[in-house]
Amino acid sequence: MPLRSCEVSSVYDNGGETFDRFTVNFTAANGNRHFSYSMDEDGGKRANGFCQYIGAEHYEGAHLGQRIAFCQLPENVRKKCERICAQDDKDNNP
């Protein structure tokens, strides 16, 4: 079985100060590629939800809120992160 091409490397929670409450940073398994998503507490699941790719880099810092563990994310957000990595697997392991 091939290795997953990415994993969550850090998560920030701004406590709901903005619509894009969570910033999730991903790192490629080989460490040479980074990307980030911003999403609401539902992981963009609702029709008016929010989940957006925000760049090919890591976003860090107090302005994003408190750094939290992946397991502290709501279940829908954790599932969305798993789907993001699954899609990354398809895109980068032809």
Protein backbone atom coordinates (compact mmCIF):
# COMPACT_ATOMS: atom_id res chain seq x y z
CA MET A 1 0.00 0.00 0.00
CA PRO A 2 1.47 3.42 -0.91
CA LEU A 3 2.18 5.94 1.80
CA ARG A 4 -0.28 8.76 2.19
CA SER A 5 0.95 11.79 0.37
CA CYS A 6 0.03 14.25 3.14
CA GLU A 7 -0.81 14.67 6.79
CA VAL A 8 -2.09 17.45 9.02
CA SER A 9 0.87 19.22 10.56
CA SER A 10 -0.82 21.96 12.61
CA VAL A 11 -4.27 23.34 13.38
CA TYR A 12 -5.39 26.75 14.65
CA ASP A 13 -8.76 27.75 16.11
CA ASN A 14 -9.73 31.41 16.41
CA GLY A 15 -12.74 30.57 18.59
CA GLY A 16 -15.25 31.72 16.00
CA GLU A 17 -13.98 35.29 15.64
CA THR A 18 -14.28 34.90 11.86
CA PHE A 19 -16.30 32.68 9.54
CA ASP A 20 -13.14 30.75 8.63
CA ARG A 21 -12.61 29.60 12.21
CA PHE A 22 -10.02 26.87 11.58
CA THR A 23 -6.71 27.03 9.70
CA VAL A 24 -5.35 23.58 8.90
CA ASN A 25 -1.79 23.12 7.63
CA PHE A 26 -0.84 20.02 5.67
CA THR A 27 2.61 18.63 4.87
CA ALA A 28 3.51 16.11 2.19
CA ALA A 29 4.77 12.80 3.54
CA ASN A 30 8.21 13.51 2.08
CA GLY A 31 8.23 16.98 3.68
CA ASN A 32 8.88 18.90 0.46
CA ARG A 33 5.39 20.34 -0.07
CA HIS A 34 3.06 22.33 2.18
CA PHE A 35 -0.45 23.68 1.77
CA SER A 36 -3.22 25.08 3.93
CA TYR A 37 -7.00 25.28 4.13
CA SER A 38 -9.29 27.57 6.04
CA MET A 39 -12.74 26.30 7.06
CA ASP A 40 -15.74 26.80 9.27
CA GLU A 41 -16.74 24.52 12.15
CA ASP A 42 -18.68 22.29 9.76
CA GLY A 43 -15.81 21.74 7.33
CA GLY A 44 -17.80 23.31 4.51
CA LYS A 45 -20.37 20.52 4.66
CA ARG A 46 -23.45 22.77 4.59
CA ALA A 47 -24.56 24.47 1.40
CA ASN A 48 -23.50 27.83 2.85
CA GLY A 49 -20.44 26.39 4.60
CA PHE A 50 -16.85 27.40 4.04
CA CYS A 51 -13.74 25.40 3.15
CA GLN A 52 -11.09 27.01 0.98
CA TYR A 53 -7.54 26.32 -0.12
CA ILE A 54 -5.52 29.32 1.07
CA GLY A 55 -2.03 28.65 -0.21
CA ALA A 56 0.97 26.46 -0.89
CA GLU A 57 2.62 27.29 2.42
CA HIS A 58 2.05 27.00 6.14
CA TYR A 59 0.23 29.72 8.01
CA GLU A 60 1.35 30.08 11.61
CA GLY A 61 0.93 32.67 14.35
CA ALA A 62 -1.21 34.07 17.13
CA HIS A 63 -3.40 35.98 14.64
CA LEU A 64 -4.89 32.59 13.67
CA GLY A 65 -5.98 31.85 17.22
CA GLN A 66 -4.91 29.08 19.53
CA ARG A 67 -2.99 26.09 18.24
CA ILE A 68 -4.98 22.93 18.95
CA ALA A 69 -4.60 19.19 18.42
CA PHE A 70 -6.22 17.55 15.38
CA CYS A 71 -8.42 15.46 17.72
CA GLN A 72 -9.93 18.70 19.09
CA LEU A 73 -11.46 19.58 15.73
CA PRO A 74 -15.17 18.88 15.22
CA GLU A 75 -15.82 15.55 13.52
CA ASN A 76 -16.94 17.14 10.23
CA VAL A 77 -13.69 19.12 10.02
CA ARG A 78 -11.58 16.01 10.74
CA LYS A 79 -13.45 14.13 8.01
CA LYS A 80 -12.91 17.00 5.57
CA CYS A 81 -9.17 16.89 6.32
CA GLU A 82 -9.17 13.16 5.58
CA ARG A 83 -10.92 13.82 2.25
CA ILE A 84 -8.40 16.55 1.41
CA CYS A 85 -5.53 14.10 1.98
CA ALA A 86 -7.33 11.37 0.02
CA GLN A 87 -7.70 13.77 -2.94
CA ASP A 88 -4.06 14.78 -2.56
CA ASP A 89 -3.16 11.06 -2.72
CA LYS A 90 -5.02 10.74 -6.04
CA ASP A 91 -3.44 13.89 -7.44
CA ASN A 92 0.13 13.03 -6.46
CA ASN A 93 0.27 9.22 -6.71
CA PRO A 94 -0.98 8.42 -10.24
